[in-house]
């Protein structure tokens, strides 16, 4: 499975950004897609995930500010990020995992910078 992410960029604190990630290839119908991020000098961490039936999971640090959604017809997952904080600055990575055989893929990262 190939993942093509778009979005990201520079935004001021309190602002909003949206990310999207389109999957292509041999996509298993039962899957989980989501976003992880790697802040400067830190390890990669979960942001949010959503299964193909719409079950979501969020990191505590983004609950109430970020919303993950998906369009199964387009094999695309979205991340709406509101009330952004400087600590949200990171490289954001899209992830796919088949809930059948466990095969997974990572997209190329996209930079999100929150700064005044």
Protein backbone atom coordinates (compact mmCIF):
# COMPACT_ATOMS: atom_id res chain seq x y z
CA UNK A 1 0.00 0.00 0.00
CA UNK A 2 1.29 3.43 -0.93
CA UNK A 3 0.37 6.51 1.06
CA UNK A 4 0.38 10.04 -0.32
CA UNK A 5 0.04 12.75 2.28
CA UNK A 6 -0.66 16.39 1.70
CA UNK A 7 -1.19 19.47 3.79
CA UNK A 8 0.92 20.80 6.60
CA UNK A 9 2.95 23.97 6.68
CA UNK A 10 3.45 26.91 8.97
CA UNK A 11 0.68 28.30 11.17
CA UNK A 12 0.48 30.65 14.12
CA UNK A 13 -0.52 29.36 17.56
CA UNK A 14 -4.28 29.01 17.76
CA UNK A 15 -4.57 28.45 14.06
CA UNK A 16 -5.78 25.47 12.05
CA UNK A 17 -4.35 23.12 9.49
CA UNK A 18 -5.65 20.09 7.67
CA UNK A 19 -3.79 17.00 6.53
CA UNK A 20 -4.97 14.35 4.14
CA UNK A 21 -3.56 10.99 3.14
CA UNK A 22 -4.65 8.88 0.21
CA UNK A 23 -3.93 5.17 0.12
CA UNK A 24 -3.49 3.17 -3.05
CA UNK A 25 -2.56 -0.37 -3.94
CA UNK A 26 -3.72 -3.61 -2.31
CA UNK A 27 -5.92 -2.17 0.40
CA UNK A 28 -7.58 -4.63 2.72
CA UNK A 29 -11.15 -3.60 3.41
CA UNK A 30 -10.75 -3.92 7.17
CA UNK A 31 -7.96 -1.59 8.11
CA UNK A 32 -6.88 1.20 10.35
CA UNK A 33 -5.36 4.44 9.10
CA UNK A 34 -4.03 7.28 11.09
CA UNK A 35 -1.43 9.84 11.90
CA UNK A 36 1.70 9.75 14.00
CA UNK A 37 4.13 12.56 14.58
CA UNK A 38 7.75 13.02 15.51
CA UNK A 39 8.59 16.25 17.30
CA UNK A 40 12.17 17.55 17.00
CA UNK A 41 14.50 15.41 19.07
CA UNK A 42 11.75 13.06 20.20
CA UNK A 43 10.36 9.68 19.26
CA UNK A 44 7.44 9.12 16.95
CA UNK A 45 4.12 9.17 18.77
CA UNK A 46 0.48 8.45 18.09
CA UNK A 47 -1.75 11.34 17.10
CA UNK A 48 -4.99 9.69 15.99
CA UNK A 49 -6.25 6.62 14.21
CA UNK A 50 -9.51 5.54 12.63
CA UNK A 51 -10.63 2.11 11.52
CA UNK A 52 -12.51 1.34 8.35
CA UNK A 53 -15.72 1.20 10.40
CA UNK A 54 -15.07 4.54 12.02
CA UNK A 55 -13.67 3.67 15.41
CA UNK A 56 -11.32 6.46 16.45
CA UNK A 57 -8.49 6.78 18.92
CA UNK A 58 -6.74 9.99 19.93
CA UNK A 59 -3.69 10.90 21.92
CA UNK A 60 -4.70 12.73 25.09
CA UNK A 61 -2.67 15.74 23.98
CA UNK A 62 -4.87 16.34 20.92
CA UNK A 63 -8.32 15.35 22.19
CA UNK A 64 -10.82 18.12 21.65
CA UNK A 65 -8.56 19.91 19.18
CA UNK A 66 -7.91 17.41 16.38
CA UNK A 67 -10.48 15.44 14.43
CA UNK A 68 -9.71 12.41 12.30
CA UNK A 69 -12.08 11.27 9.59
CA UNK A 70 -12.01 9.15 6.49
CA UNK A 71 -13.65 8.57 3.15
CA UNK A 72 -13.58 4.85 2.44
CA UNK A 73 -14.65 5.33 -1.16
CA UNK A 74 -11.52 7.41 -1.72
CA UNK A 75 -9.29 5.43 0.68
CA UNK A 76 -8.39 8.74 2.22
CA UNK A 77 -7.95 9.81 5.82
CA UNK A 78 -8.09 13.38 7.03
CA UNK A 79 -6.81 15.17 10.10
CA UNK A 80 -8.31 18.52 11.00
CA UNK A 81 -6.10 20.28 13.50
CA UNK A 82 -7.53 23.24 15.40
CA UNK A 83 -6.21 25.37 18.25
CA UNK A 84 -2.68 24.43 17.31
CA UNK A 85 0.08 24.87 19.86
CA UNK A 86 3.83 25.19 19.43
CA UNK A 87 4.18 21.72 20.94
CA UNK A 88 2.26 20.33 17.96
CA UNK A 89 5.27 21.15 15.81
CA UNK A 90 6.47 17.89 14.31
CA UNK A 91 6.80 15.82 11.19
CA UNK A 92 3.46 14.10 10.72
CA UNK A 93 3.34 10.63 9.21
CA UNK A 94 0.38 8.81 7.72
CA UNK A 95 0.06 5.13 8.58
CA UNK A 96 -1.97 2.23 7.27
CA UNK A 97 -2.33 -1.23 8.73
CA UNK A 98 -4.38 -4.14 7.48
CA UNK A 99 -6.42 -5.66 10.30
CA UNK A 100 -6.34 -8.91 8.35
CA UNK A 101 -2.69 -9.79 8.01
CA UNK A 102 -1.04 -6.91 9.80
CA UNK A 103 0.80 -5.55 6.82
CA UNK A 104 1.45 -1.87 7.25
CA UNK A 105 2.83 1.14 5.43
CA UNK A 106 4.11 4.58 6.28
CA UNK A 107 3.79 7.68 4.19
CA UNK A 108 6.49 10.26 3.77
CA UNK A 109 6.31 12.80 6.53
CA UNK A 110 4.88 16.26 6.21
CA UNK A 111 6.11 19.12 8.34
CA UNK A 112 3.76 21.02 10.61
CA UNK A 113 5.24 24.07 12.30
CA UNK A 114 3.32 26.12 14.85
CA UNK A 115 5.11 29.37 15.52
CA UNK A 116 4.48 33.06 15.75
